[in-house]
Protein backbone atom coordinates (compact mmCIF):
# COMPACT_ATOMS: atom_id res chain seq x y z
CA UNK A 1 108.13 62.29 147.41
CA UNK A 2 104.93 62.76 145.25
CA UNK A 3 101.57 63.87 146.42
CA UNK A 4 100.12 60.50 145.96
CA UNK A 5 102.47 59.07 148.27
CA UNK A 6 100.86 58.14 151.86
CA UNK A 7 102.51 59.19 154.99
CA UNK A 8 102.10 57.33 157.61
CA UNK A 9 103.26 58.56 161.01
CA UNK A 10 103.35 57.54 164.81
CA UNK A 11 103.75 60.52 167.19
CA UNK A 12 105.03 59.41 170.22
CA UNK A 13 107.76 60.47 173.26
CA UNK A 14 110.71 58.77 174.04
CA UNK A 15 110.13 58.92 177.76
CA UNK A 16 106.86 56.85 176.95
CA UNK A 17 107.52 53.14 177.75
CA UNK A 18 104.04 52.35 175.34
CA UNK A 19 105.56 54.03 172.52
CA UNK A 20 109.17 52.54 173.18
CA UNK A 21 107.40 48.93 173.20
CA UNK A 22 105.37 49.82 170.14
CA UNK A 23 108.38 50.92 167.67
CA UNK A 24 109.02 47.53 166.59
CA UNK A 25 105.45 47.00 165.49
CA UNK A 26 105.26 50.11 163.73
CA UNK A 27 108.53 49.28 161.92
CA UNK A 28 106.95 45.91 160.90
CA UNK A 29 104.08 47.72 159.54
CA UNK A 30 106.39 50.04 157.60
CA UNK A 31 107.62 46.81 155.87
CA UNK A 32 104.11 45.80 154.69
CA UNK A 33 103.71 49.05 153.02
CA UNK A 34 106.35 49.94 150.61
CA UNK A 35 104.55 52.45 148.55
CA UNK A 36 103.95 54.37 151.65
CA UNK A 37 106.17 56.57 153.80
CA UNK A 38 106.45 55.94 157.59
CA UNK A 39 107.86 58.32 159.92
CA UNK A 40 108.49 58.25 163.60
CA UNK A 41 108.16 61.07 165.37
CA UNK A 42 109.15 62.05 168.70
CA UNK A 43 106.94 65.22 169.81
CA UNK A 44 109.50 66.49 172.48
CA UNK A 45 112.46 66.29 169.67
CA UNK A 46 110.20 67.77 166.92
CA UNK A 47 108.04 69.97 168.71
CA UNK A 48 109.29 73.14 166.75
CA UNK A 49 108.18 71.41 163.53
CA UNK A 50 104.73 70.42 165.20
CA UNK A 51 103.14 73.94 164.84
CA UNK A 52 100.18 74.09 167.58
CA UNK A 53 99.59 70.02 167.66
CA UNK A 54 99.83 68.93 170.95
CA UNK A 55 98.64 65.33 171.45
CA UNK A 56 96.33 64.25 174.70
CA UNK A 57 97.86 60.77 174.71
CA UNK A 58 100.17 58.42 172.84
CA UNK A 59 100.47 56.54 170.47
CA UNK A 60 99.15 59.26 167.73
CA UNK A 61 98.41 57.60 164.49
CA UNK A 62 98.59 60.63 161.41
CA UNK A 63 98.17 59.69 157.80
CA UNK A 64 98.46 62.58 155.04
CA UNK A 65 98.55 62.42 151.15
CA UNK A 66 99.85 65.52 149.68
CA UNK A 67 98.77 68.66 151.63
CA UNK A 68 95.46 66.91 153.21
CA UNK A 69 95.72 65.52 156.53
CA UNK A 70 93.49 62.39 156.29
CA UNK A 71 93.57 61.13 159.83
CA UNK A 72 95.23 62.27 163.40
CA UNK A 73 94.09 60.50 166.42
CA UNK A 74 94.90 58.38 169.67
CA UNK A 75 95.25 54.86 168.48
CA UNK A 76 95.73 51.69 170.74
CA UNK A 77 99.15 49.98 169.89
CA UNK A 78 97.37 47.17 167.96
CA UNK A 79 99.02 46.34 164.78
CA UNK A 80 95.98 44.79 162.93
CA UNK A 81 93.90 47.84 163.77
CA UNK A 82 96.69 50.02 162.58
CA UNK A 83 97.01 47.81 159.45
CA UNK A 84 93.13 48.23 158.34
CA UNK A 85 93.35 51.95 158.83
CA UNK A 86 96.44 52.39 156.78
CA UNK A 87 94.73 49.74 153.98
CA UNK A 88 91.64 51.84 153.87
CA UNK A 89 93.39 55.39 153.38
CA UNK A 90 95.92 53.84 150.88
CA UNK A 91 93.12 52.47 148.94
CA UNK A 92 90.93 55.71 149.68
CA UNK A 93 87.99 53.73 150.97
CA UNK A 94 88.24 55.14 154.36
CA UNK A 95 85.33 57.20 155.26
CA UNK A 96 85.95 61.10 155.61
CA UNK A 97 87.55 62.34 158.70
CA UNK A 98 88.23 65.79 159.90
CA UNK A 99 91.44 65.78 162.08
CA UNK A 100 91.47 68.06 165.01
CA UNK A 101 94.57 69.85 163.70
CA UNK A 102 96.34 71.85 161.11
CA UNK A 103 99.48 69.61 161.58
CA UNK A 104 101.55 68.91 158.12
CA UNK A 105 103.46 65.97 158.31
CA UNK A 106 105.62 66.93 155.08
CA UNK A 107 107.32 69.36 157.83
CA UNK A 108 108.86 65.94 159.66
CA UNK A 109 110.47 64.36 156.75
């Protein structure tokens, strides 16, 4: 994977019924963006690779290109909203955002 590939992650927890219900929609989004790399992250299973990041709520949408975390925040499970955000970050037209973490999604691949 090169540094131009957009990483799209959903950070969830298996015990969270909202996350479990959202998984099919997230997988459908992945099929709409073949040039991006989508990863599903269980925050409990992958806690050792999340560093100091501890989400307040679920699901969390995280977007990264190369070493730069572009976006990382709780996002309602609404596929059109996620698609618009992914479209904007994929095209480079999203406004700058300062994510509240030093999370590096590359450690989760």
